[in-house]
Amino acid sequence: MANKIAEFRQIAYKLHEQGTELFVNRVLTRMSVPKSLNHRIACELLAEIKREILAKERPPAKPCDKMAKERTSPDALRAQTE
């Protein structure tokens, strides 16, 4: 089972690198023994892989405290306009 999961992951990442949209059956049919992985497990695994891909592609968010420091306080804004 671990080998099938590893193969599924490898195929999914390869398809993503090629720019192919990821679908469960698209990955399953490319396995050495097509559709040898349980469909329910494959669906869960592909959802996990898609989350991993999104997390890697998303730029890191700025911490809230840093944003607060960058913001000008309302009192400072009033002083600038007076």
PDB file of N, CA and C in Angstrom:
ATOM      1  N   MET A   1       0.828  -1.193   0.000  1.00  0.00           N
ATOM      2  CA  MET A   1       0.000   0.000   0.000  1.00  0.00           C
ATOM      3  C   MET A   1       0.877   1.263   0.000  1.00  0.00           C
ATOM      4  N   ALA A   2       1.944   1.267   0.784  1.00  0.00           N
ATOM      5  CA  ALA A   2       2.828   2.439   0.850  1.00  0.00           C
ATOM      6  C   ALA A   2       3.452   2.718  -0.516  1.00  0.00           C
ATOM      7  N   ASN A   3       3.807   1.664  -1.251  1.00  0.00           N
ATOM      8  CA  ASN A   3       4.385   1.843  -2.588  1.00  0.00           C
ATOM      9  C   ASN A   3       3.367   2.454  -3.554  1.00  0.00           C
ATOM     10  N   LYS A   4       2.123   2.021  -3.451  1.00  0.00           N
ATOM     11  CA  LYS A   4       1.071   2.552  -4.323  1.00  0.00           C
ATOM     12  C   LYS A   4       0.838   4.030  -4.022  1.00  0.00           C
ATOM     13  N   ILE A   5       0.850   4.386  -2.740  1.00  0.00           N
ATOM     14  CA  ILE A   5       0.656   5.783  -2.350  1.00  0.00           C
ATOM     15  C   ILE A   5       1.823   6.635  -2.845  1.00  0.00           C
ATOM     16  N   ALA A   6       3.033   6.120  -2.704  1.00  0.00           N
ATOM     17  CA  ALA A   6       4.222   6.850  -3.169  1.00  0.00           C
ATOM     18  C   ALA A   6       4.165   7.049  -4.685  1.00  0.00           C
ATOM     19  N   GLU A   7       3.756   6.021  -5.407  1.00  0.00           N
ATOM     20  CA  GLU A   7       3.646   6.125  -6.862  1.00  0.00           C
ATOM     21  C   GLU A   7       2.569   7.152  -7.243  1.00  0.00           C
ATOM     22  N   PHE A   8       1.436   7.126  -6.554  1.00  0.00           N
ATOM     23  CA  PHE A   8       0.347   8.068  -6.810  1.00  0.00           C
ATOM     24  C   PHE A   8       0.845   9.492  -6.608  1.00  0.00           C
ATOM     25  N   ARG A   9       1.548   9.737  -5.490  1.00  0.00           N
ATOM     26  CA  ARG A   9       2.092  11.066  -5.195  1.00  0.00           C
ATOM     27  C   ARG A   9       3.045  11.526  -6.295  1.00  0.00           C
ATOM     28  N   GLN A  10       3.936  10.631  -6.696  1.00  0.00           N
ATOM     29  CA  GLN A  10       4.938  10.951  -7.707  1.00  0.00           C
ATOM     30  C   GLN A  10       4.258  11.348  -9.020  1.00  0.00           C
ATOM     31  N   ILE A  11       3.276  10.595  -9.427  1.00  0.00           N
ATOM     32  CA  ILE A  11       2.558  10.872 -10.674  1.00  0.00           C
ATOM     33  C   ILE A  11       1.815  12.207 -10.568  1.00  0.00           C
ATOM     34  N   ALA A  12       1.161  12.436  -9.431  1.00  0.00           N
ATOM     35  CA  ALA A  12       0.408  13.682  -9.251  1.00  0.00           C
ATOM     36  C   ALA A  12       1.330  14.897  -9.342  1.00  0.00           C
ATOM     37  N   TYR A  13       2.471  14.844  -8.671  1.00  0.00           N
ATOM     38  CA  TYR A  13       3.397  15.978  -8.719  1.00  0.00           C
ATOM     39  C   TYR A  13       3.976  16.159 -10.130  1.00  0.00           C
ATOM     40  N   LYS A  14       4.231  15.059 -10.818  1.00  0.00           N
ATOM     41  CA  LYS A  14       4.749  15.145 -12.182  1.00  0.00           C
ATOM     42  C   LYS A  14       3.715  15.795 -13.109  1.00  0.00           C
ATOM     43  N   LEU A  15       2.462  15.390 -12.985  1.00  0.00           N
ATOM     44  CA  LEU A  15       1.404  15.984 -13.795  1.00  0.00           C
ATOM     45  C   LEU A  15       1.269  17.475 -13.500  1.00  0.00           C
ATOM     46  N   HIS A  16       1.367  17.832 -12.226  1.00  0.00           N
ATOM     47  CA  HIS A  16       1.279  19.246 -11.854  1.00  0.00           C
ATOM     48  C   HIS A  16       2.417  20.045 -12.487  1.00  0.00           C
ATOM     49  N   GLU A  17       3.622  19.497 -12.446  1.00  0.00           N
ATOM     50  CA  GLU A  17       4.785  20.170 -13.048  1.00  0.00           C
ATOM     51  C   GLU A  17       4.596  20.360 -14.547  1.00  0.00           C
ATOM     52  N   GLN A  18       3.890  19.436 -15.191  1.00  0.00           N
ATOM     53  CA  GLN A  18       3.638  19.518 -16.626  1.00  0.00           C
ATOM     54  C   GLN A  18       2.484  20.473 -16.944  1.00  0.00           C
ATOM     55  N   GLY A  19       1.824  20.965 -15.903  1.00  0.00           N
ATOM     56  CA  GLY A  19       0.722  21.892 -16.102  1.00  0.00           C
ATOM     57  C   GLY A  19      -0.611  21.200 -16.344  1.00  0.00           C
ATOM     58  N   THR A  20      -0.677  19.924 -16.071  1.00  0.00           N
ATOM     59  CA  THR A  20      -1.915  19.162 -16.262  1.00  0.00           C
ATOM     60  C   THR A  20      -2.782  19.288 -15.017  1.00  0.00           C
ATOM     61  N   GLU A  21      -4.069  19.554 -15.205  1.00  0.00           N
ATOM     62  CA  GLU A  21      -4.981  19.657 -14.070  1.00  0.00           C
ATOM     63  C   GLU A  21      -5.117  18.296 -13.400  1.00  0.00           C
ATOM     64  N   LEU A  22      -5.123  18.297 -12.075  1.00  0.00           N
ATOM     65  CA  LEU A  22      -5.126  17.043 -11.324  1.00  0.00           C
ATOM     66  C   LEU A  22      -6.539  16.535 -11.064  1.00  0.00           C
ATOM     67  N   PHE A  23      -6.795  15.320 -11.543  1.00  0.00           N
ATOM     68  CA  PHE A  23      -8.026  14.595 -11.281  1.00  0.00           C
ATOM     69  C   PHE A  23      -7.637  13.195 -10.829  1.00  0.00           C
ATOM     70  N   VAL A  24      -8.441  12.607  -9.964  1.00  0.00           N
ATOM     71  CA  VAL A  24      -8.135  11.289  -9.407  1.00  0.00           C
ATOM     72  C   VAL A  24      -7.937  10.254 -10.505  1.00  0.00           C
ATOM     73  N   ASN A  25      -8.885  10.147 -11.426  1.00  0.00           N
ATOM     74  CA  ASN A  25      -8.774   9.118 -12.463  1.00  0.00           C
ATOM     75  C   ASN A  25      -7.599   9.366 -13.404  1.00  0.00           C
ATOM     76  N   ARG A  26      -7.249  10.620 -13.600  1.00  0.00           N
ATOM     77  CA  ARG A  26      -6.107  10.948 -14.460  1.00  0.00           C
ATOM     78  C   ARG A  26      -4.812  10.392 -13.843  1.00  0.00           C
ATOM     79  N   VAL A  27      -4.709  10.496 -12.522  1.00  0.00           N
ATOM     80  CA  VAL A  27      -3.524   9.966 -11.836  1.00  0.00           C
ATOM     81  C   VAL A  27      -3.603   8.442 -11.769  1.00  0.00           C
ATOM     82  N   LEU A  28      -4.754   7.910 -11.391  1.00  0.00           N
ATOM     83  CA  LEU A  28      -4.906   6.455 -11.235  1.00  0.00           C
ATOM     84  C   LEU A  28      -4.611   5.698 -12.526  1.00  0.00           C
ATOM     85  N   THR A  29      -5.018   6.237 -13.671  1.00  0.00           N
ATOM     86  CA  THR A  29      -4.805   5.509 -14.927  1.00  0.00           C
ATOM     87  C   THR A  29      -3.347   5.517 -15.369  1.00  0.00           C
ATOM     88  N   ARG A  30      -2.531   6.377 -14.779  1.00  0.00           N
ATOM     89  CA  ARG A  30      -1.111   6.428 -15.141  1.00  0.00           C
ATOM     90  C   ARG A  30      -0.232   5.574 -14.220  1.00  0.00           C
ATOM     91  N   MET A  31      -0.846   4.942 -13.239  1.00  0.00           N
ATOM     92  CA  MET A  31      -0.076   4.088 -12.324  1.00  0.00           C
ATOM     93  C   MET A  31       0.388   2.831 -13.060  1.00  0.00           C
ATOM     94  N   SER A  32       1.460   2.203 -12.528  1.00  0.00           N
ATOM     95  CA  SER A  32       2.005   1.004 -13.178  1.00  0.00           C
ATOM     96  C   SER A  32       0.946  -0.094 -13.290  1.00  0.00           C
ATOM     97  N   VAL A  33       0.113  -0.221 -12.272  1.00  0.00           N
ATOM     98  CA  VAL A  33      -1.069  -1.092 -12.347  1.00  0.00           C
ATOM     99  C   VAL A  33      -2.253  -0.137 -12.248  1.00  0.00           C
ATOM    100  N   PRO A  34      -2.826   0.239 -13.411  1.00  0.00           N
ATOM    101  CA  PRO A  34      -3.879   1.261 -13.412  1.00  0.00           C
ATOM    102  C   PRO A  34      -5.006   0.975 -12.424  1.00  0.00           C
ATOM    103  N   LYS A  35      -5.381   2.042 -11.724  1.00  0.00           N
ATOM    104  CA  LYS A  35      -6.477   1.996 -10.749  1.00  0.00           C
ATOM    105  C   LYS A  35      -6.268   0.939  -9.665  1.00  0.00           C
ATOM    106  N   SER A  36      -5.002   0.734  -9.281  1.00  0.00           N
ATOM    107  CA  SER A  36      -4.705  -0.273  -8.262  1.00  0.00           C
ATOM    108  C   SER A  36      -4.895   0.263  -6.844  1.00  0.00           C
ATOM    109  N   LEU A  37      -5.136   1.551  -6.714  1.00  0.00           N
ATOM    110  CA  LEU A  37      -5.345   2.162  -5.407  1.00  0.00           C
ATOM    111  C   LEU A  37      -6.833   2.409  -5.211  1.00  0.00           C
ATOM    112  N   ASN A  38      -7.326   2.139  -4.027  1.00  0.00           N
ATOM    113  CA  ASN A  38      -8.732   2.350  -3.701  1.00  0.00           C
ATOM    114  C   ASN A  38      -9.123   3.785  -4.027  1.00  0.00           C
ATOM    115  N   HIS A  39     -10.257   3.956  -4.695  1.00  0.00           N
ATOM    116  CA  HIS A  39     -10.690   5.271  -5.173  1.00  0.00           C
ATOM    117  C   HIS A  39     -10.876   6.265  -4.020  1.00  0.00           C
ATOM    118  N   ARG A  40     -11.442   5.826  -2.912  1.00  0.00           N
ATOM    119  CA  ARG A  40     -11.658   6.716  -1.768  1.00  0.00           C
ATOM    120  C   ARG A  40     -10.330   7.214  -1.208  1.00  0.00           C
ATOM    121  N   ILE A  41      -9.368   6.311  -1.080  1.00  0.00           N
ATOM    122  CA  ILE A  41      -8.035   6.680  -0.588  1.00  0.00           C
ATOM    123  C   ILE A  41      -7.376   7.645  -1.573  1.00  0.00           C
ATOM    124  N   ALA A  42      -7.527   7.361  -2.858  1.00  0.00           N
ATOM    125  CA  ALA A  42      -6.939   8.224  -3.889  1.00  0.00           C
ATOM    126  C   ALA A  42      -7.530   9.631  -3.830  1.00  0.00           C
ATOM    127  N   CYS A  43      -8.822   9.749  -3.596  1.00  0.00           N
ATOM    128  CA  CYS A  43      -9.469  11.062  -3.492  1.00  0.00           C
ATOM    129  C   CYS A  43      -8.908  11.846  -2.312  1.00  0.00           C
ATOM    130  N   GLU A  44      -8.785  11.188  -1.170  1.00  0.00           N
ATOM    131  CA  GLU A  44      -8.244  11.850   0.021  1.00  0.00           C
ATOM    132  C   GLU A  44      -6.793  12.251  -0.202  1.00  0.00           C
ATOM    133  N   LEU A  45      -6.042  11.373  -0.819  1.00  0.00           N
ATOM    134  CA  LEU A  45      -4.627  11.636  -1.078  1.00  0.00           C
ATOM    135  C   LEU A  45      -4.454  12.805  -2.051  1.00  0.00           C
ATOM    136  N   LEU A  46      -5.259  12.845  -3.089  1.00  0.00           N
ATOM    137  CA  LEU A  46      -5.151  13.930  -4.056  1.00  0.00           C
ATOM    138  C   LEU A  46      -5.537  15.269  -3.417  1.00  0.00           C
ATOM    139  N   ALA A  47      -6.530  15.267  -2.551  1.00  0.00           N
ATOM    140  CA  ALA A  47      -6.900  16.495  -1.843  1.00  0.00           C
ATOM    141  C   ALA A  47      -5.733  16.983  -0.990  1.00  0.00           C
ATOM    142  N   GLU A  48      -5.053  16.075  -0.331  1.00  0.00           N
ATOM    143  CA  GLU A  48      -3.880  16.423   0.480  1.00  0.00           C
ATOM    144  C   GLU A  48      -2.758  16.985  -0.397  1.00  0.00           C
ATOM    145  N   ILE A  49      -2.525  16.357  -1.533  1.00  0.00           N
ATOM    146  CA  ILE A  49      -1.481  16.804  -2.455  1.00  0.00           C
ATOM    147  C   ILE A  49      -1.799  18.208  -2.972  1.00  0.00           C
ATOM    148  N   LYS A  50      -3.044  18.457  -3.319  1.00  0.00           N
ATOM    149  CA  LYS A  50      -3.442  19.777  -3.807  1.00  0.00           C
ATOM    150  C   LYS A  50      -3.223  20.844  -2.733  1.00  0.00           C
ATOM    151  N   ARG A  51      -3.523  20.511  -1.463  1.00  0.00           N
ATOM    152  CA  ARG A  51      -3.262  21.456  -0.363  1.00  0.00           C
ATOM    153  C   ARG A  51      -1.768  21.743  -0.241  1.00  0.00           C
ATOM    154  N   GLU A  52      -0.939  20.700  -0.377  1.00  0.00           N
ATOM    155  CA  GLU A  52       0.513  20.878  -0.307  1.00  0.00           C
ATOM    156  C   GLU A  52       1.007  21.791  -1.424  1.00  0.00           C
ATOM    157  N   ILE A  53       0.497  21.575  -2.618  1.00  0.00           N
ATOM    158  CA  ILE A  53       0.897  22.382  -3.772  1.00  0.00           C
ATOM    159  C   ILE A  53       0.504  23.842  -3.556  1.00  0.00           C
ATOM    160  N   LEU A  54      -0.723  24.077  -3.090  1.00  0.00           N
ATOM    161  CA  LEU A  54      -1.176  25.444  -2.835  1.00  0.00           C
ATOM    162  C   LEU A  54      -0.329  26.121  -1.763  1.00  0.00           C
ATOM    163  N   ALA A  55       0.012  25.378  -0.723  1.00  0.00           N
ATOM    164  CA  ALA A  55       0.815  25.946   0.361  1.00  0.00           C
ATOM    165  C   ALA A  55       2.201  26.344  -0.136  1.00  0.00           C
ATOM    166  N   LYS A  56       2.766  25.571  -1.049  1.00  0.00           N
ATOM    167  CA  LYS A  56       4.101  25.872  -1.583  1.00  0.00           C
ATOM    168  C   LYS A  56       4.056  27.071  -2.522  1.00  0.00           C
ATOM    169  N   GLU A  57       2.970  27.238  -3.251  1.00  0.00           N
ATOM    170  CA  GLU A  57       2.863  28.307  -4.244  1.00  0.00           C
ATOM    171  C   GLU A  57       2.436  29.636  -3.645  1.00  0.00           C
ATOM    172  N   ARG A  58       1.811  29.612  -2.485  1.00  0.00           N
ATOM    173  CA  ARG A  58       1.313  30.833  -1.855  1.00  0.00           C
ATOM    174  C   ARG A  58       2.472  31.562  -1.173  1.00  0.00           C
ATOM    175  N   PRO A  59       2.611  32.875  -1.391  1.00  0.00           N
ATOM    176  CA  PRO A  59       3.670  33.612  -0.702  1.00  0.00           C
ATOM    177  C   PRO A  59       3.358  33.689   0.792  1.00  0.00           C
ATOM    178  N   PRO A  60       4.387  33.738   1.619  1.00  0.00           N
ATOM    179  CA  PRO A  60       4.135  33.791   3.067  1.00  0.00           C
ATOM    180  C   PRO A  60       3.415  35.081   3.450  1.00  0.00           C
ATOM    181  N   ALA A  61       2.493  34.954   4.357  1.00  0.00           N
ATOM    182  CA  ALA A  61       1.708  36.103   4.805  1.00  0.00           C
ATOM    183  C   ALA A  61       2.519  36.938   5.786  1.00  0.00           C
ATOM    184  N   LYS A  62       2.233  38.235   5.791  1.00  0.00           N
ATOM    185  CA  LYS A  62       2.905  39.120   6.741  1.00  0.00           C
ATOM    186  C   LYS A  62       2.304  38.888   8.126  1.00  0.00           C
ATOM    187  N   PRO A  63       3.116  38.866   9.142  1.00  0.00           N
ATOM    188  CA  PRO A  63       2.574  38.743  10.505  1.00  0.00           C
ATOM    189  C   PRO A  63       1.726  39.973  10.849  1.00  0.00           C
ATOM    190  N   CYS A  64       0.698  39.790  11.630  1.00  0.00           N
ATOM    191  CA  CYS A  64      -0.219  40.870  11.983  1.00  0.00           C
ATOM    192  C   CYS A  64       0.479  41.997  12.725  1.00  0.00           C
ATOM    193  N   ASP A  65       1.401  41.659  13.633  1.00  0.00           N
ATOM    194  CA  ASP A  65       2.054  42.707  14.408  1.00  0.00           C
ATOM    195  C   ASP A  65       2.935  43.588  13.517  1.00  0.00           C
ATOM    196  N   LYS A  66       3.511  43.004  12.480  1.00  0.00           N
ATOM    197  CA  LYS A  66       4.323  43.799  11.560  1.00  0.00           C
ATOM    198  C   LYS A  66       3.432  44.777  10.796  1.00  0.00           C
ATOM    199  N   MET A  67       2.268  44.316  10.388  1.00  0.00           N
ATOM    200  CA  MET A  67       1.346  45.189   9.666  1.00  0.00           C
ATOM    201  C   MET A  67       0.872  46.319  10.564  1.00  0.00           C
ATOM    202  N   ALA A  68       0.658  46.020  11.823  1.00  0.00           N
ATOM    203  CA  ALA A  68       0.208  47.048  12.757  1.00  0.00           C
ATOM    204  C   ALA A  68       1.281  48.121  12.929  1.00  0.00           C
ATOM    205  N   LYS A  69       2.546  47.721  12.945  1.00  0.00           N
ATOM    206  CA  LYS A  69       3.647  48.675  13.076  1.00  0.00           C
ATOM    207  C   LYS A  69       3.748  49.566  11.840  1.00  0.00           C
ATOM    208  N   GLU A  70       3.423  48.997  10.664  1.00  0.00           N
ATOM    209  CA  GLU A  70       3.524  49.751   9.423  1.00  0.00           C
ATOM    210  C   GLU A  70       2.402  50.769   9.282  1.00  0.00           C
ATOM    211  N   ARG A  71       1.265  50.531   9.944  1.00  0.00           N
ATOM    212  CA  ARG A  71       0.125  51.420   9.858  1.00  0.00           C
ATOM    213  C   ARG A  71       0.369  52.681  10.677  1.00  0.00           C
ATOM    214  N   THR A  72      -0.069  53.792  10.160  1.00  0.00           N
ATOM    215  CA  THR A  72       0.027  55.050  10.887  1.00  0.00           C
ATOM    216  C   THR A  72      -1.166  55.154  11.821  1.00  0.00           C
ATOM    217  N   SER A  73      -0.914  55.564  13.047  1.00  0.00           N
ATOM    218  CA  SER A  73      -1.994  55.665  14.026  1.00  0.00           C
ATOM    219  C   SER A  73      -2.929  56.809  13.654  1.00  0.00           C
ATOM    220  N   PRO A  74      -4.177  56.735  14.101  1.00  0.00           N
ATOM    221  CA  PRO A  74      -5.132  57.817  13.809  1.00  0.00           C
ATOM    222  C   PRO A  74      -4.658  59.162  14.357  1.00  0.00           C
ATOM    223  N   ASP A  75      -4.009  59.162  15.535  1.00  0.00           N
ATOM    224  CA  ASP A  75      -3.507  60.418  16.113  1.00  0.00           C
ATOM    225  C   ASP A  75      -2.427  61.021  15.227  1.00  0.00           C
ATOM    226  N   ALA A  76      -1.558  60.181  14.689  1.00  0.00           N
ATOM    227  CA  ALA A  76      -0.496  60.679  13.816  1.00  0.00           C
ATOM    228  C   ALA A  76      -1.073  61.233  12.525  1.00  0.00           C
ATOM    229  N   LEU A  77      -2.107  60.611  12.026  1.00  0.00           N
ATOM    230  CA  LEU A  77      -2.756  61.111  10.806  1.00  0.00           C
ATOM    231  C   LEU A  77      -3.394  62.477  11.056  1.00  0.00           C
ATOM    232  N   ARG A  78      -4.047  62.633  12.227  1.00  0.00           N
ATOM    233  CA  ARG A  78      -4.649  63.926  12.571  1.00  0.00           C
ATOM    234  C   ARG A  78      -3.588  65.001  12.684  1.00  0.00           C
ATOM    235  N   ALA A  79      -2.456  64.652  13.282  1.00  0.00           N
ATOM    236  CA  ALA A  79      -1.383  65.628  13.451  1.00  0.00           C
ATOM    237  C   ALA A  79      -0.826  66.063  12.097  1.00  0.00           C
ATOM    238  N   GLN A  80      -0.785  65.151  11.139  1.00  0.00           N
ATOM    239  CA  GLN A  80      -0.262  65.488   9.812  1.00  0.00           C
ATOM    240  C   GLN A  80      -1.194  66.443   9.084  1.00  0.00           C
ATOM    241  N   THR A  81      -2.484  66.321   9.316  1.00  0.00           N
ATOM    242  CA  THR A  81      -3.452  67.154   8.595  1.00  0.00           C
ATOM    243  C   THR A  81      -3.661  68.501   9.257  1.00  0.00           C
ATOM    244  N   GLU A  82      -3.244  68.648  10.502  1.00  0.00           N
ATOM    245  CA  GLU A  82      -3.443  69.922  11.220  1.00  0.00           C
ATOM    246  C   GLU A  82      -2.353  70.897  10.950  1.00  0.00           C
TER     247      GLU A  82
END
